[in-house]
Amino acid sequence: PPGWDVIPLHTGTQEAMDLIVRKAIAQLPVGFPKDDIPKARLKLT
């Protein structure tokens, strides 16, 4: 569907995952504890 990200399995996999993680972290709520961001990034990855 429009707006969904695609993760290719042959080439560009890591780059696509990195982009998705960056976008997800950028969308965390304003009050999200900064100390928890690395844990959230690791869990999503």
PDB file of all heavy atoms in Angstrom:
ATOM      1  N   PRO A   1       0.837  -1.207   0.000  1.00  0.00           N
ATOM      2  CA  PRO A   1       0.000   0.000   0.000  1.00  0.00           C
ATOM      3  C   PRO A   1       0.872   1.258   0.000  1.00  0.00           C
ATOM      4  O   PRO A   1       2.024   1.223   0.455  1.00  0.00           O
ATOM      5  CB  PRO A   1      -0.782  -0.112   1.308  1.00  0.00           C
ATOM      6  CG  PRO A   1      -0.718  -1.550   1.684  1.00  0.00           C
ATOM      7  CD  PRO A   1       0.578  -2.064   1.156  1.00  0.00           C
ATOM      8  N   PRO A   2       0.346   2.352  -0.480  1.00  0.00           N
ATOM      9  CA  PRO A   2       1.108   3.611  -0.472  1.00  0.00           C
ATOM     10  C   PRO A   2       1.586   3.946   0.941  1.00  0.00           C
ATOM     11  O   PRO A   2       0.848   3.783   1.912  1.00  0.00           O
ATOM     12  CB  PRO A   2       0.087   4.651  -0.960  1.00  0.00           C
ATOM     13  CG  PRO A   2      -0.922   3.864  -1.722  1.00  0.00           C
ATOM     14  CD  PRO A   2      -0.984   2.509  -1.068  1.00  0.00           C
ATOM     15  N   GLY A   3       2.829   4.364   1.028  1.00  0.00           N
ATOM     16  CA  GLY A   3       3.403   4.747   2.311  1.00  0.00           C
ATOM     17  C   GLY A   3       4.111   3.624   3.053  1.00  0.00           C
ATOM     18  O   GLY A   3       4.818   3.877   4.014  1.00  0.00           O
ATOM     19  N   TRP A   4       3.933   2.381   2.609  1.00  0.00           N
ATOM     20  CA  TRP A   4       4.612   1.262   3.258  1.00  0.00           C
ATOM     21  C   TRP A   4       6.041   1.177   2.745  1.00  0.00           C
ATOM     22  O   TRP A   4       6.324   1.432   1.587  1.00  0.00           O
ATOM     23  CB  TRP A   4       3.891  -0.042   2.961  1.00  0.00           C
ATOM     24  CG  TRP A   4       2.660  -0.268   3.765  1.00  0.00           C
ATOM     25  CD1 TRP A   4       1.805   0.671   4.245  1.00  0.00           C
ATOM     26  CD2 TRP A   4       2.133  -1.530   4.164  1.00  0.00           C
ATOM     27  NE1 TRP A   4       0.772   0.060   4.909  1.00  0.00           N
ATOM     28  CE2 TRP A   4       0.953  -1.284   4.870  1.00  0.00           C
ATOM     29  CE3 TRP A   4       2.541  -2.842   3.973  1.00  0.00           C
ATOM     30  CZ2 TRP A   4       0.180  -2.302   5.412  1.00  0.00           C
ATOM     31  CZ3 TRP A   4       1.763  -3.849   4.516  1.00  0.00           C
ATOM     32  CH2 TRP A   4       0.605  -3.580   5.224  1.00  0.00           C
ATOM     33  N   ASP A   5       6.949   0.786   3.625  1.00  0.00           N
ATOM     34  CA  ASP A   5       8.341   0.574   3.230  1.00  0.00           C
ATOM     35  C   ASP A   5       8.526  -0.875   2.791  1.00  0.00           C
ATOM     36  O   ASP A   5       7.828  -1.765   3.258  1.00  0.00           O
ATOM     37  CB  ASP A   5       9.278   0.874   4.399  1.00  0.00           C
ATOM     38  CG  ASP A   5       9.298   2.346   4.745  1.00  0.00           C
ATOM     39  OD1 ASP A   5       9.605   3.151   3.854  1.00  0.00           O
ATOM     40  OD2 ASP A   5       9.007   2.687   5.905  1.00  0.00           O
ATOM     41  N   VAL A   6       9.486  -1.081   1.900  1.00  0.00           N
ATOM     42  CA  VAL A   6       9.802  -2.419   1.394  1.00  0.00           C
ATOM     43  C   VAL A   6      11.226  -2.748   1.805  1.00  0.00           C
ATOM     44  O   VAL A   6      12.127  -1.910   1.701  1.00  0.00           O
ATOM     45  CB  VAL A   6       9.666  -2.463  -0.145  1.00  0.00           C
ATOM     46  CG1 VAL A   6      10.109  -3.799  -0.690  1.00  0.00           C
ATOM     47  CG2 VAL A   6       8.229  -2.162  -0.551  1.00  0.00           C
ATOM     48  N   ILE A   7      11.445  -3.969   2.263  1.00  0.00           N
ATOM     49  CA  ILE A   7      12.786  -4.429   2.611  1.00  0.00           C
ATOM     50  C   ILE A   7      13.173  -5.495   1.590  1.00  0.00           C
ATOM     51  O   ILE A   7      12.644  -6.608   1.619  1.00  0.00           O
ATOM     52  CB  ILE A   7      12.841  -5.019   4.038  1.00  0.00           C
ATOM     53  CG1 ILE A   7      12.394  -3.982   5.063  1.00  0.00           C
ATOM     54  CG2 ILE A   7      14.257  -5.508   4.347  1.00  0.00           C
ATOM     55  CD1 ILE A   7      12.287  -4.519   6.475  1.00  0.00           C
ATOM     56  N   PRO A   8      14.084  -5.157   0.672  1.00  0.00           N
ATOM     57  CA  PRO A   8      14.523  -6.163  -0.299  1.00  0.00           C
ATOM     58  C   PRO A   8      15.367  -7.228   0.396  1.00  0.00           C
ATOM     59  O   PRO A   8      16.079  -6.930   1.355  1.00  0.00           O
ATOM     60  CB  PRO A   8      15.356  -5.350  -1.302  1.00  0.00           C
ATOM     61  CG  PRO A   8      15.805  -4.156  -0.542  1.00  0.00           C
ATOM     62  CD  PRO A   8      14.755  -3.886   0.501  1.00  0.00           C
ATOM     63  N   LEU A   9      15.292  -8.456  -0.073  1.00  0.00           N
ATOM     64  CA  LEU A   9      16.003  -9.545   0.587  1.00  0.00           C
ATOM     65  C   LEU A   9      17.346  -9.869  -0.055  1.00  0.00           C
ATOM     66  O   LEU A   9      18.160 -10.546   0.564  1.00  0.00           O
ATOM     67  CB  LEU A   9      15.133 -10.804   0.611  1.00  0.00           C
ATOM     68  CG  LEU A   9      13.812 -10.667   1.363  1.00  0.00           C
ATOM     69  CD1 LEU A   9      13.026 -11.971   1.304  1.00  0.00           C
ATOM     70  CD2 LEU A   9      14.046 -10.256   2.804  1.00  0.00           C
ATOM     71  N   HIS A  10      17.582  -9.408  -1.269  1.00  0.00           N
ATOM     72  CA  HIS A  10      18.823  -9.775  -1.957  1.00  0.00           C
ATOM     73  C   HIS A  10      19.897  -8.702  -1.821  1.00  0.00           C
ATOM     74  O   HIS A  10      21.025  -9.006  -1.432  1.00  0.00           O
ATOM     75  CB  HIS A  10      18.558 -10.069  -3.427  1.00  0.00           C
ATOM     76  CG  HIS A  10      17.627 -11.240  -3.623  1.00  0.00           C
ATOM     77  ND1 HIS A  10      17.963 -12.516  -3.268  1.00  0.00           N
ATOM     78  CD2 HIS A  10      16.363 -11.301  -4.085  1.00  0.00           C
ATOM     79  CE1 HIS A  10      16.964 -13.336  -3.521  1.00  0.00           C
ATOM     80  NE2 HIS A  10      15.959 -12.612  -4.016  1.00  0.00           N
ATOM     81  N   THR A  11      19.566  -7.489  -2.147  1.00  0.00           N
ATOM     82  CA  THR A  11      20.536  -6.393  -2.018  1.00  0.00           C
ATOM     83  C   THR A  11      19.831  -5.187  -1.420  1.00  0.00           C
ATOM     84  O   THR A  11      18.646  -4.965  -1.665  1.00  0.00           O
ATOM     85  CB  THR A  11      21.137  -5.988  -3.383  1.00  0.00           C
ATOM     86  OG1 THR A  11      20.077  -5.591  -4.254  1.00  0.00           O
ATOM     87  CG2 THR A  11      21.930  -7.121  -4.000  1.00  0.00           C
ATOM     88  N   GLY A  12      20.541  -4.438  -0.625  1.00  0.00           N
ATOM     89  CA  GLY A  12      19.976  -3.248  -0.018  1.00  0.00           C
ATOM     90  C   GLY A  12      19.162  -3.499   1.237  1.00  0.00           C
ATOM     91  O   GLY A  12      18.480  -2.600   1.720  1.00  0.00           O
ATOM     92  N   THR A  13      19.258  -4.706   1.772  1.00  0.00           N
ATOM     93  CA  THR A  13      18.467  -5.067   2.950  1.00  0.00           C
ATOM     94  C   THR A  13      18.820  -4.190   4.143  1.00  0.00           C
ATOM     95  O   THR A  13      17.938  -3.592   4.774  1.00  0.00           O
ATOM     96  CB  THR A  13      18.675  -6.549   3.318  1.00  0.00           C
ATOM     97  OG1 THR A  13      18.394  -7.344   2.173  1.00  0.00           O
ATOM     98  CG2 THR A  13      17.801  -6.970   4.471  1.00  0.00           C
ATOM     99  N   GLN A  14      20.088  -4.116   4.468  1.00  0.00           N
ATOM    100  CA  GLN A  14      20.524  -3.347   5.642  1.00  0.00           C
ATOM    101  C   GLN A  14      20.187  -1.873   5.495  1.00  0.00           C
ATOM    102  O   GLN A  14      19.721  -1.240   6.445  1.00  0.00           O
ATOM    103  CB  GLN A  14      22.030  -3.533   5.880  1.00  0.00           C
ATOM    104  CG  GLN A  14      22.508  -2.947   7.190  1.00  0.00           C
ATOM    105  CD  GLN A  14      21.839  -3.592   8.401  1.00  0.00           C
ATOM    106  OE1 GLN A  14      21.814  -4.806   8.527  1.00  0.00           O
ATOM    107  NE2 GLN A  14      21.286  -2.786   9.283  1.00  0.00           N
ATOM    108  N   GLU A  15      20.387  -1.334   4.309  1.00  0.00           N
ATOM    109  CA  GLU A  15      20.087   0.078   4.073  1.00  0.00           C
ATOM    110  C   GLU A  15      18.599   0.358   4.275  1.00  0.00           C
ATOM    111  O   GLU A  15      18.219   1.360   4.879  1.00  0.00           O
ATOM    112  CB  GLU A  15      20.520   0.505   2.666  1.00  0.00           C
ATOM    113  CG  GLU A  15      22.009   0.495   2.444  1.00  0.00           C
ATOM    114  CD  GLU A  15      22.575  -0.894   2.099  1.00  0.00           C
ATOM    115  OE1 GLU A  15      21.802  -1.878   2.010  1.00  0.00           O
ATOM    116  OE2 GLU A  15      23.795  -0.979   1.934  1.00  0.00           O
ATOM    117  N   ALA A  16      17.747  -0.540   3.781  1.00  0.00           N
ATOM    118  CA  ALA A  16      16.301  -0.364   3.935  1.00  0.00           C
ATOM    119  C   ALA A  16      15.901  -0.445   5.401  1.00  0.00           C
ATOM    120  O   ALA A  16      15.088   0.358   5.881  1.00  0.00           O
ATOM    121  CB  ALA A  16      15.553  -1.417   3.116  1.00  0.00           C
ATOM    122  N   MET A  17      16.482  -1.395   6.129  1.00  0.00           N
ATOM    123  CA  MET A  17      16.168  -1.521   7.555  1.00  0.00           C
ATOM    124  C   MET A  17      16.640  -0.290   8.323  1.00  0.00           C
ATOM    125  O   MET A  17      15.918   0.207   9.199  1.00  0.00           O
ATOM    126  CB  MET A  17      16.775  -2.800   8.129  1.00  0.00           C
ATOM    127  CG  MET A  17      16.096  -4.042   7.621  1.00  0.00           C
ATOM    128  SD  MET A  17      16.497  -5.596   8.463  1.00  0.00           S
ATOM    129  CE  MET A  17      18.200  -5.474   8.858  1.00  0.00           C
ATOM    130  N   ASP A  18      17.822   0.217   8.002  1.00  0.00           N
ATOM    131  CA  ASP A  18      18.337   1.418   8.672  1.00  0.00           C
ATOM    132  C   ASP A  18      17.401   2.605   8.456  1.00  0.00           C
ATOM    133  O   ASP A  18      17.120   3.364   9.385  1.00  0.00           O
ATOM    134  CB  ASP A  18      19.738   1.768   8.171  1.00  0.00           C
ATOM    135  CG  ASP A  18      20.800   0.769   8.608  1.00  0.00           C
ATOM    136  OD1 ASP A  18      20.541  -0.031   9.537  1.00  0.00           O
ATOM    137  OD2 ASP A  18      21.893   0.777   7.998  1.00  0.00           O
ATOM    138  N   LEU A  19      16.910   2.753   7.237  1.00  0.00           N
ATOM    139  CA  LEU A  19      15.997   3.852   6.924  1.00  0.00           C
ATOM    140  C   LEU A  19      14.699   3.725   7.723  1.00  0.00           C
ATOM    141  O   LEU A  19      14.196   4.704   8.292  1.00  0.00           O
ATOM    142  CB  LEU A  19      15.693   3.880   5.426  1.00  0.00           C
ATOM    143  CG  LEU A  19      14.688   4.938   4.973  1.00  0.00           C
ATOM    144  CD1 LEU A  19      15.213   6.338   5.251  1.00  0.00           C
ATOM    145  CD2 LEU A  19      14.377   4.767   3.494  1.00  0.00           C
ATOM    146  N   ILE A  20      14.164   2.523   7.799  1.00  0.00           N
ATOM    147  CA  ILE A  20      12.924   2.296   8.551  1.00  0.00           C
ATOM    148  C   ILE A  20      13.125   2.607  10.031  1.00  0.00           C
ATOM    149  O   ILE A  20      12.279   3.253  10.663  1.00  0.00           O
ATOM    150  CB  ILE A  20      12.437   0.849   8.348  1.00  0.00           C
ATOM    151  CG1 ILE A  20      11.977   0.658   6.897  1.00  0.00           C
ATOM    152  CG2 ILE A  20      11.319   0.506   9.325  1.00  0.00           C
ATOM    153  CD1 ILE A  20      11.744  -0.785   6.496  1.00  0.00           C
ATOM    154  N   VAL A  21      14.253   2.181  10.576  1.00  0.00           N
ATOM    155  CA  VAL A  21      14.537   2.450  11.995  1.00  0.00           C
ATOM    156  C   VAL A  21      14.656   3.953  12.227  1.00  0.00           C
ATOM    157  O   VAL A  21      14.079   4.495  13.184  1.00  0.00           O
ATOM    158  CB  VAL A  21      15.809   1.708  12.467  1.00  0.00           C
ATOM    159  CG1 VAL A  21      16.241   2.177  13.852  1.00  0.00           C
ATOM    160  CG2 VAL A  21      15.575   0.204  12.463  1.00  0.00           C
ATOM    161  N   ARG A  22      15.376   4.645  11.354  1.00  0.00           N
ATOM    162  CA  ARG A  22      15.522   6.102  11.508  1.00  0.00           C
ATOM    163  C   ARG A  22      14.165   6.796  11.467  1.00  0.00           C
ATOM    164  O   ARG A  22      13.880   7.692  12.276  1.00  0.00           O
ATOM    165  CB  ARG A  22      16.440   6.674  10.426  1.00  0.00           C
ATOM    166  CG  ARG A  22      17.915   6.461  10.697  1.00  0.00           C
ATOM    167  CD  ARG A  22      18.813   7.331   9.821  1.00  0.00           C
ATOM    168  NE  ARG A  22      18.560   7.194   8.401  1.00  0.00           N
ATOM    169  CZ  ARG A  22      19.122   6.276   7.608  1.00  0.00           C
ATOM    170  NH1 ARG A  22      19.971   5.403   8.119  1.00  0.00           N
ATOM    171  NH2 ARG A  22      18.852   6.244   6.324  1.00  0.00           N
ATOM    172  N   LYS A  23      13.313   6.387  10.521  1.00  0.00           N
ATOM    173  CA  LYS A  23      11.984   6.992  10.416  1.00  0.00           C
ATOM    174  C   LYS A  23      11.141   6.697  11.658  1.00  0.00           C
ATOM    175  O   LYS A  23      10.427   7.572  12.152  1.00  0.00           O
ATOM    176  CB  LYS A  23      11.274   6.489   9.157  1.00  0.00           C
ATOM    177  CG  LYS A  23      11.834   7.112   7.894  1.00  0.00           C
ATOM    178  CD  LYS A  23      11.348   6.522   6.592  1.00  0.00           C
ATOM    179  CE  LYS A  23       9.932   6.141   6.465  1.00  0.00           C
ATOM    180  NZ  LYS A  23       9.559   5.649   5.120  1.00  0.00           N
ATOM    181  N   ALA A  24      11.225   5.477  12.167  1.00  0.00           N
ATOM    182  CA  ALA A  24      10.446   5.103  13.352  1.00  0.00           C
ATOM    183  C   ALA A  24      10.903   5.891  14.576  1.00  0.00           C
ATOM    184  O   ALA A  24      10.072   6.384  15.359  1.00  0.00           O
ATOM    185  CB  ALA A  24      10.565   3.600  13.608  1.00  0.00           C
ATOM    186  N   ILE A  25      12.204   6.018  14.747  1.00  0.00           N
ATOM    187  CA  ILE A  25      12.739   6.756  15.895  1.00  0.00           C
ATOM    188  C   ILE A  25      12.349   8.231  15.799  1.00  0.00           C
ATOM    189  O   ILE A  25      12.007   8.855  16.802  1.00  0.00           O
ATOM    190  CB  ILE A  25      14.271   6.580  15.997  1.00  0.00           C
ATOM    191  CG1 ILE A  25      14.633   5.111  16.259  1.00  0.00           C
ATOM    192  CG2 ILE A  25      14.876   7.501  17.051  1.00  0.00           C
ATOM    193  CD1 ILE A  25      14.061   4.517  17.526  1.00  0.00           C
ATOM    194  N   ALA A  26      12.342   8.777  14.603  1.00  0.00           N
ATOM    195  CA  ALA A  26      11.959  10.176  14.416  1.00  0.00           C
ATOM    196  C   ALA A  26      10.484  10.415  14.757  1.00  0.00           C
ATOM    197  O   ALA A  26      10.090  11.537  15.062  1.00  0.00           O
ATOM    198  CB  ALA A  26      12.237  10.602  12.979  1.00  0.00           C
ATOM    199  N   GLN A  27       9.675   9.360  14.742  1.00  0.00           N
ATOM    200  CA  GLN A  27       8.245   9.498  15.015  1.00  0.00           C
ATOM    201  C   GLN A  27       7.870   9.171  16.469  1.00  0.00           C
ATOM    202  O   GLN A  27       6.685   9.160  16.803  1.00  0.00           O
ATOM    203  CB  GLN A  27       7.453   8.587  14.071  1.00  0.00           C
ATOM    204  CG  GLN A  27       7.550   9.003  12.626  1.00  0.00           C
ATOM    205  CD  GLN A  27       6.833   8.040  11.699  1.00  0.00           C
ATOM    206  OE1 GLN A  27       6.088   7.171  12.118  1.00  0.00           O
ATOM    207  NE2 GLN A  27       7.080   8.190  10.407  1.00  0.00           N
ATOM    208  N   LEU A  28       8.865   8.928  17.304  1.00  0.00           N
ATOM    209  CA  LEU A  28       8.557   8.677  18.719  1.00  0.00           C
ATOM    210  C   LEU A  28       7.894   9.913  19.325  1.00  0.00           C
ATOM    211  O   LEU A  28       8.182  11.041  18.911  1.00  0.00           O
ATOM    212  CB  LEU A  28       9.837   8.336  19.484  1.00  0.00           C
ATOM    213  CG  LEU A  28      10.445   6.964  19.204  1.00  0.00           C
ATOM    214  CD1 LEU A  28      11.807   6.843  19.876  1.00  0.00           C
ATOM    215  CD2 LEU A  28       9.516   5.852  19.655  1.00  0.00           C
ATOM    216  N   PRO A  29       7.010   9.708  20.288  1.00  0.00           N
ATOM    217  CA  PRO A  29       6.334  10.857  20.891  1.00  0.00           C
ATOM    218  C   PRO A  29       7.317  11.809  21.557  1.00  0.00           C
ATOM    219  O   PRO A  29       8.399  11.403  22.011  1.00  0.00           O
ATOM    220  CB  PRO A  29       5.398  10.236  21.936  1.00  0.00           C
ATOM    221  CG  PRO A  29       5.575   8.772  21.867  1.00  0.00           C
ATOM    222  CD  PRO A  29       6.600   8.443  20.857  1.00  0.00           C
ATOM    223  N   VAL A  30       6.929  13.056  21.664  1.00  0.00           N
ATOM    224  CA  VAL A  30       7.790  14.094  22.235  1.00  0.00           C
ATOM    225  C   VAL A  30       8.273  13.732  23.631  1.00  0.00           C
ATOM    226  O   VAL A  30       9.431  13.942  23.960  1.00  0.00           O
ATOM    227  CB  VAL A  30       7.041  15.458  22.254  1.00  0.00           C
ATOM    228  CG1 VAL A  30       7.861  16.516  22.960  1.00  0.00           C
ATOM    229  CG2 VAL A  30       6.710  15.892  20.843  1.00  0.00           C
ATOM    230  N   GLY A  31       7.439  13.147  24.438  1.00  0.00           N
ATOM    231  CA  GLY A  31       7.816  12.826  25.815  1.00  0.00           C
ATOM    232  C   GLY A  31       8.560  11.520  25.982  1.00  0.00           C
ATOM    233  O   GLY A  31       8.866  11.123  27.105  1.00  0.00           O
ATOM    234  N   PHE A  32       8.899  10.845  24.898  1.00  0.00           N
ATOM    235  CA  PHE A  32       9.597   9.554  24.994  1.00  0.00           C
ATOM    236  C   PHE A  32      10.961   9.785  25.637  1.00  0.00           C
ATOM    237  O   PHE A  32      11.726  10.647  25.199  1.00  0.00           O
ATOM    238  CB  PHE A  32       9.760   8.933  23.605  1.00  0.00           C
ATOM    239  CG  PHE A  32      10.159   7.486  23.632  1.00  0.00           C
ATOM    240  CD1 PHE A  32       9.193   6.490  23.742  1.00  0.00           C
ATOM    241  CD2 PHE A  32      11.491   7.106  23.548  1.00  0.00           C
ATOM    242  CE1 PHE A  32       9.554   5.144  23.774  1.00  0.00           C
ATOM    243  CE2 PHE A  32      11.856   5.775  23.575  1.00  0.00           C
ATOM    244  CZ  PHE A  32      10.890   4.792  23.688  1.00  0.00           C
ATOM    245  N   PRO A  33      11.295   9.011  26.686  1.00  0.00           N
ATOM    246  CA  PRO A  33      12.581   9.225  27.384  1.00  0.00           C
ATOM    247  C   PRO A  33      13.787   9.014  26.458  1.00  0.00           C
ATOM    248  O   PRO A  33      13.907   7.984  25.809  1.00  0.00           O
ATOM    249  CB  PRO A  33      12.566   8.164  28.483  1.00  0.00           C
ATOM    250  CG  PRO A  33      11.146   7.747  28.626  1.00  0.00           C
ATOM    251  CD  PRO A  33      10.509   7.947  27.284  1.00  0.00           C
ATOM    252  N   LYS A  34      14.644   9.996  26.412  1.00  0.00           N
ATOM    253  CA  LYS A  34      15.821   9.927  25.540  1.00  0.00           C
ATOM    254  C   LYS A  34      16.718   8.739  25.882  1.00  0.00           C
ATOM    255  O   LYS A  34      17.370   8.178  25.018  1.00  0.00           O
ATOM    256  CB  LYS A  34      16.606  11.230  25.608  1.00  0.00           C
ATOM    257  CG  LYS A  34      15.820  12.423  25.112  1.00  0.00           C
ATOM    258  CD  LYS A  34      16.653  13.298  24.232  1.00  0.00           C
ATOM    259  CE  LYS A  34      15.894  14.520  23.789  1.00  0.00           C
ATOM    260  NZ  LYS A  34      15.090  14.303  22.624  1.00  0.00           N
ATOM    261  N   ASP A  35      16.750   8.358  27.149  1.00  0.00           N
ATOM    262  CA  ASP A  35      17.569   7.222  27.564  1.00  0.00           C
ATOM    263  C   ASP A  35      17.043   5.899  27.000  1.00  0.00           C
ATOM    264  O   ASP A  35      17.780   4.917  26.930  1.00  0.00           O
ATOM    265  CB  ASP A  35      17.630   7.127  29.093  1.00  0.00           C
ATOM    266  CG  ASP A  35      18.439   8.266  29.715  1.00  0.00           C
ATOM    267  OD1 ASP A  35      19.190   8.938  28.968  1.00  0.00           O
ATOM    268  OD2 ASP A  35      18.313   8.484  30.934  1.00  0.00           O
ATOM    269  N   ASP A  36      15.762   5.856  26.632  1.00  0.00           N
ATOM    270  CA  ASP A  36      15.160   4.632  26.110  1.00  0.00           C
ATOM    271  C   ASP A  36      15.258   4.512  24.587  1.00  0.00           C
ATOM    272  O   ASP A  36      14.918   3.476  24.027  1.00  0.00           O
ATOM    273  CB  ASP A  36      13.687   4.544  26.531  1.00  0.00           C
ATOM    274  CG  ASP A  36      13.538   4.317  28.030  1.00  0.00           C
ATOM    275  OD1 ASP A  36      14.522   3.882  28.668  1.00  0.00           O
ATOM    276  OD2 ASP A  36      12.445   4.568  28.552  1.00  0.00           O
ATOM    277  N   ILE A  37      15.721   5.559  23.917  1.00  0.00           N
ATOM    278  CA  ILE A  37      15.812   5.530  22.455  1.00  0.00           C
ATOM    279  C   ILE A  37      16.755   4.430  21.965  1.00  0.00           C
ATOM    280  O   ILE A  37      16.390   3.679  21.054  1.00  0.00           O
ATOM    281  CB  ILE A  37      16.188   6.916  21.887  1.00  0.00           C
ATOM    282  CG1 ILE A  37      15.013   7.878  22.102  1.00  0.00           C
ATOM    283  CG2 ILE A  37      16.564   6.828  20.408  1.00  0.00           C
ATOM    284  CD1 ILE A  37      15.283   9.310  21.702  1.00  0.00           C
ATOM    285  N   PRO A  38      17.950   4.271  22.534  1.00  0.00           N
ATOM    286  CA  PRO A  38      18.816   3.183  22.057  1.00  0.00           C
ATOM    287  C   PRO A  38      18.182   1.802  22.219  1.00  0.00           C
ATOM    288  O   PRO A  38      18.318   0.943  21.352  1.00  0.00           O
ATOM    289  CB  PRO A  38      20.079   3.318  22.917  1.00  0.00           C
ATOM    290  CG  PRO A  38      20.093   4.742  23.343  1.00  0.00           C
ATOM    291  CD  PRO A  38      18.644   5.121  23.499  1.00  0.00           C
ATOM    292  N   LYS A  39      17.453   1.589  23.329  1.00  0.00           N
ATOM    293  CA  LYS A  39      16.781   0.307  23.534  1.00  0.00           C
ATOM    294  C   LYS A  39      15.685   0.091  22.492  1.00  0.00           C
ATOM    295  O   LYS A  39      15.534  -1.011  21.969  1.00  0.00           O
ATOM    296  CB  LYS A  39      16.183   0.229  24.937  1.00  0.00           C
ATOM    297  CG  LYS A  39      17.211   0.067  26.033  1.00  0.00           C
ATOM    298  CD  LYS A  39      16.546  -0.171  27.368  1.00  0.00           C
ATOM    299  CE  LYS A  39      16.268   1.177  27.999  1.00  0.00           C
ATOM    300  NZ  LYS A  39      15.739   1.096  29.364  1.00  0.00           N
ATOM    301  N   ALA A  40      14.938   1.148  22.189  1.00  0.00           N
ATOM    302  CA  ALA A  40      13.873   1.050  21.189  1.00  0.00           C
ATOM    303  C   ALA A  40      14.464   0.758  19.812  1.00  0.00           C
ATOM    304  O   ALA A  40      13.948  -0.076  19.057  1.00  0.00           O
ATOM    305  CB  ALA A  40      13.065   2.344  21.153  1.00  0.00           C
ATOM    306  N   ARG A  41      15.564   1.423  19.487  1.00  0.00           N
ATOM    307  CA  ARG A  41      16.239   1.209  18.204  1.00  0.00           C
ATOM    308  C   ARG A  41      16.733  -0.241  18.088  1.00  0.00           C
ATOM    309  O   ARG A  41      16.536  -0.902  17.073  1.00  0.00           O
ATOM    310  CB  ARG A  41      17.408   2.185  18.075  1.00  0.00           C
ATOM    311  CG  ARG A  41      18.158   2.103  16.760  1.00  0.00           C
ATOM    312  CD  ARG A  41      19.384   3.018  16.749  1.00  0.00           C
ATOM    313  NE  ARG A  41      19.143   4.346  17.248  1.00  0.00           N
ATOM    314  CZ  ARG A  41      18.768   5.382  16.505  1.00  0.00           C
ATOM    315  NH1 ARG A  41      18.605   5.234  15.220  1.00  0.00           N
ATOM    316  NH2 ARG A  41      18.566   6.563  17.047  1.00  0.00           N
ATOM    317  N   LEU A  42      17.342  -0.740  19.142  1.00  0.00           N
ATOM    318  CA  LEU A  42      17.863  -2.107  19.151  1.00  0.00           C
ATOM    319  C   LEU A  42      16.731  -3.122  19.015  1.00  0.00           C
ATOM    320  O   LEU A  42      16.823  -4.074  18.237  1.00  0.00           O
ATOM    321  CB  LEU A  42      18.664  -2.362  20.428  1.00  0.00           C
ATOM    322  CG  LEU A  42      19.262  -3.752  20.580  1.00  0.00           C
ATOM    323  CD1 LEU A  42      20.250  -4.047  19.460  1.00  0.00           C
ATOM    324  CD2 LEU A  42      19.935  -3.881  21.941  1.00  0.00           C
ATOM    325  N   LYS A  43      15.656  -2.928  19.760  1.00  0.00           N
ATOM    326  CA  LYS A  43      14.515  -3.855  19.723  1.00  0.00           C
ATOM    327  C   LYS A  43      13.903  -3.905  18.321  1.00  0.00           C
ATOM    328  O   LYS A  43      13.637  -4.987  17.789  1.00  0.00           O
ATOM    329  CB  LYS A  43      13.469  -3.416  20.751  1.00  0.00           C
ATOM    330  CG  LYS A  43      12.220  -4.216  20.757  1.00  0.00           C
ATOM    331  CD  LYS A  43      12.405  -5.485  21.531  1.00  0.00           C
ATOM    332  CE  LYS A  43      11.055  -6.156  21.701  1.00  0.00           C
ATOM    333  NZ  LYS A  43      11.172  -7.557  21.948  1.00  0.00           N
ATOM    334  N   LEU A  44      13.692  -2.758  17.708  1.00  0.00           N
ATOM    335  CA  LEU A  44      13.122  -2.710  16.366  1.00  0.00           C
ATOM    336  C   LEU A  44      14.056  -3.384  15.365  1.00  0.00           C
ATOM    337  O   LEU A  44      13.613  -4.175  14.519  1.00  0.00           O
ATOM    338  CB  LEU A  44      12.852  -1.266  15.953  1.00  0.00           C
ATOM    339  CG  LEU A  44      12.296  -1.060  14.549  1.00  0.00           C
ATOM    340  CD1 LEU A  44      11.003  -1.837  14.346  1.00  0.00           C
ATOM    341  CD2 LEU A  44      12.075   0.424  14.282  1.00  0.00           C
ATOM    342  N   THR A  45      15.336  -3.124  15.461  1.00  0.00           N
ATOM    343  CA  THR A  45      16.314  -3.738  14.558  1.00  0.00           C
ATOM    344  C   THR A  45      16.314  -5.253  14.711  1.00  0.00           C
ATOM    345  O   THR A  45      16.313  -5.984  13.717  1.00  0.00           O
ATOM    346  CB  THR A  45      17.723  -3.165  14.821  1.00  0.00           C
ATOM    347  OG1 THR A  45      17.695  -1.744  14.612  1.00  0.00           O
ATOM    348  CG2 THR A  45      18.754  -3.795  13.903  1.00  0.00           C
TER     349      THR A  45
END
